[in-house]
Amino acid sequence: MVNDMKGAASHIDIPMVMYIMLLVMPLIMGALTAIIFINLFRKNKRTAIFFGVAAFFSVVYQLYILLGLSLSLGATALVVYLFFTIAAYRKLKADPAAEI
């Protein structure tokens, strides 16, 4: 017996699922990168700068790939990365032990 469901929720378009997964990737990576950078910056600034440069090149490459797929997908990922960058900066600025 074939389950023949009718309605909007019965079929998920494959490209839509791919776009959702590609948007979740910057959210997870941005959050983890910000957390790791903040912890490294508190312990060893030189290591944090190296990690930040490596993360920057990774973000630029991801944005290049995402902008190639879709302009709106790349722009959304850019906004996500900018949000996490600003949040990490403000967190380090508020911490007196970090001394930016």
N, C-alpha and C. Protein backbone atom coordinates (compact mmCIF):
# COMPACT_ATOMS: atom_id res chain seq x y z
N MET A 1 0.85 -1.16 0.00
CA MET A 1 0.00 0.00 0.00
C MET A 1 0.90 1.23 0.00
N VAL A 2 0.61 2.16 -0.87
CA VAL A 2 1.40 3.37 -1.01
C VAL A 2 0.77 4.48 -0.19
N ASN A 3 1.59 5.16 0.59
CA ASN A 3 1.12 6.28 1.39
C ASN A 3 1.09 7.51 0.50
N ASP A 4 -0.08 7.88 0.02
CA ASP A 4 -0.24 8.99 -0.90
C ASP A 4 -0.85 10.17 -0.15
N MET A 5 0.01 10.92 0.54
CA MET A 5 -0.46 12.07 1.31
C MET A 5 -0.56 13.28 0.40
N LYS A 6 -1.62 14.00 0.55
CA LYS A 6 -1.80 15.24 -0.21
C LYS A 6 -1.66 16.40 0.76
N GLY A 7 -1.06 17.49 0.30
CA GLY A 7 -0.93 18.67 1.15
C GLY A 7 0.47 19.25 1.07
N ALA A 8 0.62 20.43 1.63
CA ALA A 8 1.88 21.16 1.54
C ALA A 8 2.98 20.51 2.37
N ALA A 9 2.62 19.91 3.49
CA ALA A 9 3.64 19.36 4.39
C ALA A 9 4.07 17.96 3.99
N SER A 10 3.45 17.36 3.00
CA SER A 10 3.77 15.99 2.67
C SER A 10 5.02 15.88 1.80
N HIS A 11 5.43 16.94 1.15
CA HIS A 11 6.58 16.89 0.26
C HIS A 11 7.54 18.02 0.59
N ILE A 12 8.79 17.67 0.86
CA ILE A 12 9.81 18.68 1.12
C ILE A 12 10.73 18.71 -0.09
N ASP A 13 10.91 19.86 -0.64
CA ASP A 13 11.75 20.02 -1.81
C ASP A 13 13.22 19.81 -1.41
N ILE A 14 13.93 19.02 -2.15
CA ILE A 14 15.33 18.70 -1.83
C ILE A 14 16.20 19.95 -1.77
N PRO A 15 16.13 20.86 -2.75
CA PRO A 15 16.98 22.05 -2.63
C PRO A 15 16.67 22.90 -1.39
N MET A 16 15.43 22.93 -0.95
CA MET A 16 15.10 23.69 0.25
C MET A 16 15.77 23.10 1.48
N VAL A 17 15.81 21.78 1.58
CA VAL A 17 16.49 21.12 2.68
C VAL A 17 17.99 21.41 2.62
N MET A 18 18.55 21.42 1.41
CA MET A 18 19.97 21.72 1.25
C MET A 18 20.27 23.15 1.70
N TYR A 19 19.42 24.10 1.32
CA TYR A 19 19.64 25.48 1.73
C TYR A 19 19.53 25.64 3.24
N ILE A 20 18.61 24.93 3.86
CA ILE A 20 18.47 25.00 5.32
C ILE A 20 19.74 24.44 5.98
N MET A 21 20.24 23.33 5.48
CA MET A 21 21.47 22.76 6.04
C MET A 21 22.66 23.70 5.82
N LEU A 22 22.71 24.35 4.67
CA LEU A 22 23.81 25.27 4.40
C LEU A 22 23.70 26.54 5.24
N LEU A 23 22.51 26.87 5.73
CA LEU A 23 22.37 28.00 6.64
C LEU A 23 22.66 27.61 8.09
N VAL A 24 22.42 26.37 8.43
CA VAL A 24 22.72 25.90 9.78
C VAL A 24 24.23 25.79 9.98
N MET A 25 24.95 25.47 8.90
CA MET A 25 26.41 25.35 8.99
C MET A 25 27.07 26.63 9.50
N PRO A 26 26.77 27.83 8.95
CA PRO A 26 27.40 29.03 9.51
C PRO A 26 26.98 29.33 10.94
N LEU A 27 25.77 28.97 11.31
CA LEU A 27 25.34 29.18 12.69
C LEU A 27 26.18 28.35 13.66
N ILE A 28 26.38 27.09 13.34
CA ILE A 28 27.16 26.22 14.21
C ILE A 28 28.62 26.61 14.18
N MET A 29 29.17 26.82 12.98
CA MET A 29 30.59 27.15 12.89
C MET A 29 30.89 28.52 13.50
N GLY A 30 30.01 29.47 13.28
CA GLY A 30 30.23 30.80 13.84
C GLY A 30 30.20 30.79 15.36
N ALA A 31 29.27 30.07 15.92
CA ALA A 31 29.18 29.99 17.39
C ALA A 31 30.40 29.29 17.97
N LEU A 32 30.78 28.16 17.40
CA LEU A 32 31.94 27.43 17.91
C LEU A 32 33.22 28.23 17.73
N THR A 33 33.37 28.90 16.60
CA THR A 33 34.57 29.70 16.35
C THR A 33 34.66 30.85 17.35
N ALA A 34 33.55 31.51 17.61
CA ALA A 34 33.56 32.62 18.56
C ALA A 34 33.91 32.13 19.97
N ILE A 35 33.36 31.01 20.38
CA ILE A 35 33.66 30.47 21.71
C ILE A 35 35.12 30.08 21.83
N ILE A 36 35.65 29.40 20.83
CA ILE A 36 37.05 28.98 20.87
C ILE A 36 37.96 30.20 20.84
N PHE A 37 37.64 31.20 20.00
CA PHE A 37 38.48 32.39 19.91
C PHE A 37 38.51 33.15 21.24
N ILE A 38 37.36 33.30 21.88
CA ILE A 38 37.31 34.01 23.16
C ILE A 38 38.16 33.29 24.21
N ASN A 39 38.03 31.97 24.28
CA ASN A 39 38.83 31.21 25.25
C ASN A 39 40.32 31.29 24.95
N LEU A 40 40.69 31.20 23.69
CA LEU A 40 42.10 31.30 23.32
C LEU A 40 42.64 32.70 23.60
N PHE A 41 41.83 33.72 23.34
CA PHE A 41 42.29 35.09 23.53
C PHE A 41 42.57 35.38 25.00
N ARG A 42 41.80 34.79 25.88
CA ARG A 42 42.02 34.98 27.31
C ARG A 42 43.30 34.30 27.78
N LYS A 43 43.65 33.16 27.16
CA LYS A 43 44.81 32.40 27.59
C LYS A 43 46.09 32.83 26.88
N ASN A 44 46.04 32.96 25.56
CA ASN A 44 47.24 33.24 24.78
C ASN A 44 46.84 34.04 23.54
N LYS A 45 47.20 35.30 23.53
CA LYS A 45 46.77 36.18 22.44
C LYS A 45 47.40 35.80 21.10
N ARG A 46 48.63 35.35 21.11
CA ARG A 46 49.29 34.99 19.85
C ARG A 46 48.58 33.79 19.20
N THR A 47 48.24 32.81 19.97
CA THR A 47 47.51 31.65 19.44
C THR A 47 46.13 32.07 18.96
N ALA A 48 45.49 32.99 19.67
CA ALA A 48 44.16 33.46 19.26
C ALA A 48 44.24 34.22 17.94
N ILE A 49 45.28 35.01 17.74
CA ILE A 49 45.43 35.73 16.48
C ILE A 49 45.63 34.74 15.33
N PHE A 50 46.45 33.73 15.54
CA PHE A 50 46.64 32.69 14.52
C PHE A 50 45.33 31.99 14.21
N PHE A 51 44.59 31.63 15.25
CA PHE A 51 43.29 30.97 15.06
C PHE A 51 42.32 31.90 14.33
N GLY A 52 42.33 33.19 14.69
CA GLY A 52 41.44 34.15 14.05
C GLY A 52 41.74 34.31 12.57
N VAL A 53 43.01 34.32 12.20
CA VAL A 53 43.38 34.43 10.78
C VAL A 53 42.93 33.18 10.03
N ALA A 54 43.16 32.01 10.61
CA ALA A 54 42.72 30.76 9.98
C ALA A 54 41.19 30.73 9.84
N ALA A 55 40.49 31.18 10.86
CA ALA A 55 39.02 31.21 10.81
C ALA A 55 38.55 32.21 9.76
N PHE A 56 39.26 33.34 9.63
CA PHE A 56 38.90 34.35 8.63
C PHE A 56 39.00 33.76 7.22
N PHE A 57 40.11 33.05 6.93
CA PHE A 57 40.25 32.45 5.61
C PHE A 57 39.20 31.37 5.36
N SER A 58 38.84 30.63 6.40
CA SER A 58 37.78 29.63 6.27
C SER A 58 36.44 30.28 5.96
N VAL A 59 36.15 31.39 6.63
CA VAL A 59 34.89 32.10 6.40
C VAL A 59 34.85 32.68 4.99
N VAL A 60 35.97 33.25 4.54
CA VAL A 60 36.01 33.81 3.18
C VAL A 60 35.77 32.72 2.15
N TYR A 61 36.38 31.55 2.34
CA TYR A 61 36.17 30.44 1.41
C TYR A 61 34.71 29.97 1.42
N GLN A 62 34.13 29.85 2.62
CA GLN A 62 32.73 29.43 2.71
C GLN A 62 31.81 30.45 2.05
N LEU A 63 32.08 31.72 2.26
CA LEU A 63 31.25 32.74 1.63
C LEU A 63 31.39 32.70 0.12
N TYR A 64 32.58 32.44 -0.38
CA TYR A 64 32.80 32.31 -1.82
C TYR A 64 31.95 31.17 -2.38
N ILE A 65 31.96 30.04 -1.69
CA ILE A 65 31.17 28.88 -2.13
C ILE A 65 29.68 29.19 -2.05
N LEU A 66 29.23 29.76 -0.93
CA LEU A 66 27.80 30.02 -0.74
C LEU A 66 27.30 31.11 -1.69
N LEU A 67 28.11 32.12 -1.96
CA LEU A 67 27.69 33.15 -2.92
C LEU A 67 27.62 32.59 -4.33
N GLY A 68 28.42 31.57 -4.61
CA GLY A 68 28.33 30.89 -5.91
C GLY A 68 27.05 30.10 -6.06
N LEU A 69 26.54 29.58 -4.95
CA LEU A 69 25.28 28.83 -5.00
C LEU A 69 24.07 29.77 -5.10
N SER A 70 24.07 30.78 -4.25
CA SER A 70 22.92 31.69 -4.21
C SER A 70 23.36 32.98 -3.52
N LEU A 71 22.97 34.09 -4.09
CA LEU A 71 23.32 35.39 -3.51
C LEU A 71 22.67 35.57 -2.14
N SER A 72 21.42 35.17 -2.01
CA SER A 72 20.73 35.32 -0.72
C SER A 72 21.33 34.39 0.34
N LEU A 73 21.75 33.21 -0.06
CA LEU A 73 22.38 32.28 0.88
C LEU A 73 23.70 32.84 1.39
N GLY A 74 24.50 33.39 0.49
CA GLY A 74 25.77 33.98 0.89
C GLY A 74 25.59 35.21 1.76
N ALA A 75 24.62 36.04 1.42
CA ALA A 75 24.36 37.25 2.20
C ALA A 75 23.88 36.90 3.60
N THR A 76 23.05 35.89 3.71
CA THR A 76 22.58 35.45 5.03
C THR A 76 23.72 34.90 5.87
N ALA A 77 24.60 34.12 5.26
CA ALA A 77 25.76 33.59 5.98
C ALA A 77 26.68 34.72 6.41
N LEU A 78 26.84 35.74 5.58
CA LEU A 78 27.67 36.89 5.94
C LEU A 78 27.10 37.61 7.16
N VAL A 79 25.80 37.78 7.20
CA VAL A 79 25.15 38.42 8.35
C VAL A 79 25.36 37.58 9.61
N VAL A 80 25.26 36.27 9.49
CA VAL A 80 25.47 35.38 10.64
C VAL A 80 26.90 35.52 11.15
N TYR A 81 27.87 35.48 10.24
CA TYR A 81 29.27 35.60 10.66
C TYR A 81 29.56 36.97 11.27
N LEU A 82 28.99 38.01 10.69
CA LEU A 82 29.19 39.35 11.27
C LEU A 82 28.58 39.44 12.67
N PHE A 83 27.42 38.83 12.86
CA PHE A 83 26.79 38.82 14.18
C PHE A 83 27.70 38.17 15.22
N PHE A 84 28.26 37.00 14.89
CA PHE A 84 29.12 36.31 15.85
C PHE A 84 30.42 37.06 16.08
N THR A 85 30.94 37.73 15.05
CA THR A 85 32.15 38.52 15.21
C THR A 85 31.92 39.69 16.16
N ILE A 86 30.81 40.39 15.97
CA ILE A 86 30.48 41.52 16.84
C ILE A 86 30.21 41.05 18.26
N ALA A 87 29.53 39.91 18.39
CA ALA A 87 29.23 39.39 19.73
C ALA A 87 30.52 38.99 20.46
N ALA A 88 31.46 38.37 19.75
CA ALA A 88 32.73 38.00 20.38
C ALA A 88 33.53 39.24 20.77
N TYR A 89 33.53 40.24 19.91
CA TYR A 89 34.25 41.47 20.22
C TYR A 89 33.67 42.16 21.46
N ARG A 90 32.35 42.24 21.51
CA ARG A 90 31.72 42.89 22.66
C ARG A 90 31.94 42.09 23.94
N LYS A 91 31.96 40.77 23.85
CA LYS A 91 32.23 39.94 25.02
C LYS A 91 33.64 40.16 25.52
N LEU A 92 34.61 40.22 24.60
CA LEU A 92 36.00 40.45 25.01
C LEU A 92 36.20 41.88 25.50
N LYS A 93 35.50 42.82 24.95
CA LYS A 93 35.61 44.22 25.38
C LYS A 93 35.07 44.39 26.79
N ALA A 94 34.03 43.65 27.14
CA ALA A 94 33.43 43.75 28.46
C ALA A 94 34.25 43.03 29.53
N ASP A 95 35.11 42.10 29.11
CA ASP A 95 35.92 41.32 30.05
C ASP A 95 37.19 42.10 30.41
N PRO A 96 37.35 42.50 31.67
CA PRO A 96 38.55 43.28 32.02
C PRO A 96 39.84 42.46 31.95
N ALA A 97 39.75 41.15 32.04
CA ALA A 97 40.95 40.32 31.99
C ALA A 97 41.47 40.16 30.56
N ALA A 98 40.64 40.41 29.56
CA ALA A 98 41.03 40.18 28.17
C ALA A 98 41.95 41.28 27.64
N GLU A 99 41.73 42.53 28.03
CA GLU A 99 42.52 43.68 27.59
C GLU A 99 42.72 43.72 26.09
N ILE A 100 41.71 44.14 25.38
CA ILE A 100 41.82 44.25 23.91
C ILE A 100 42.66 45.45 23.57
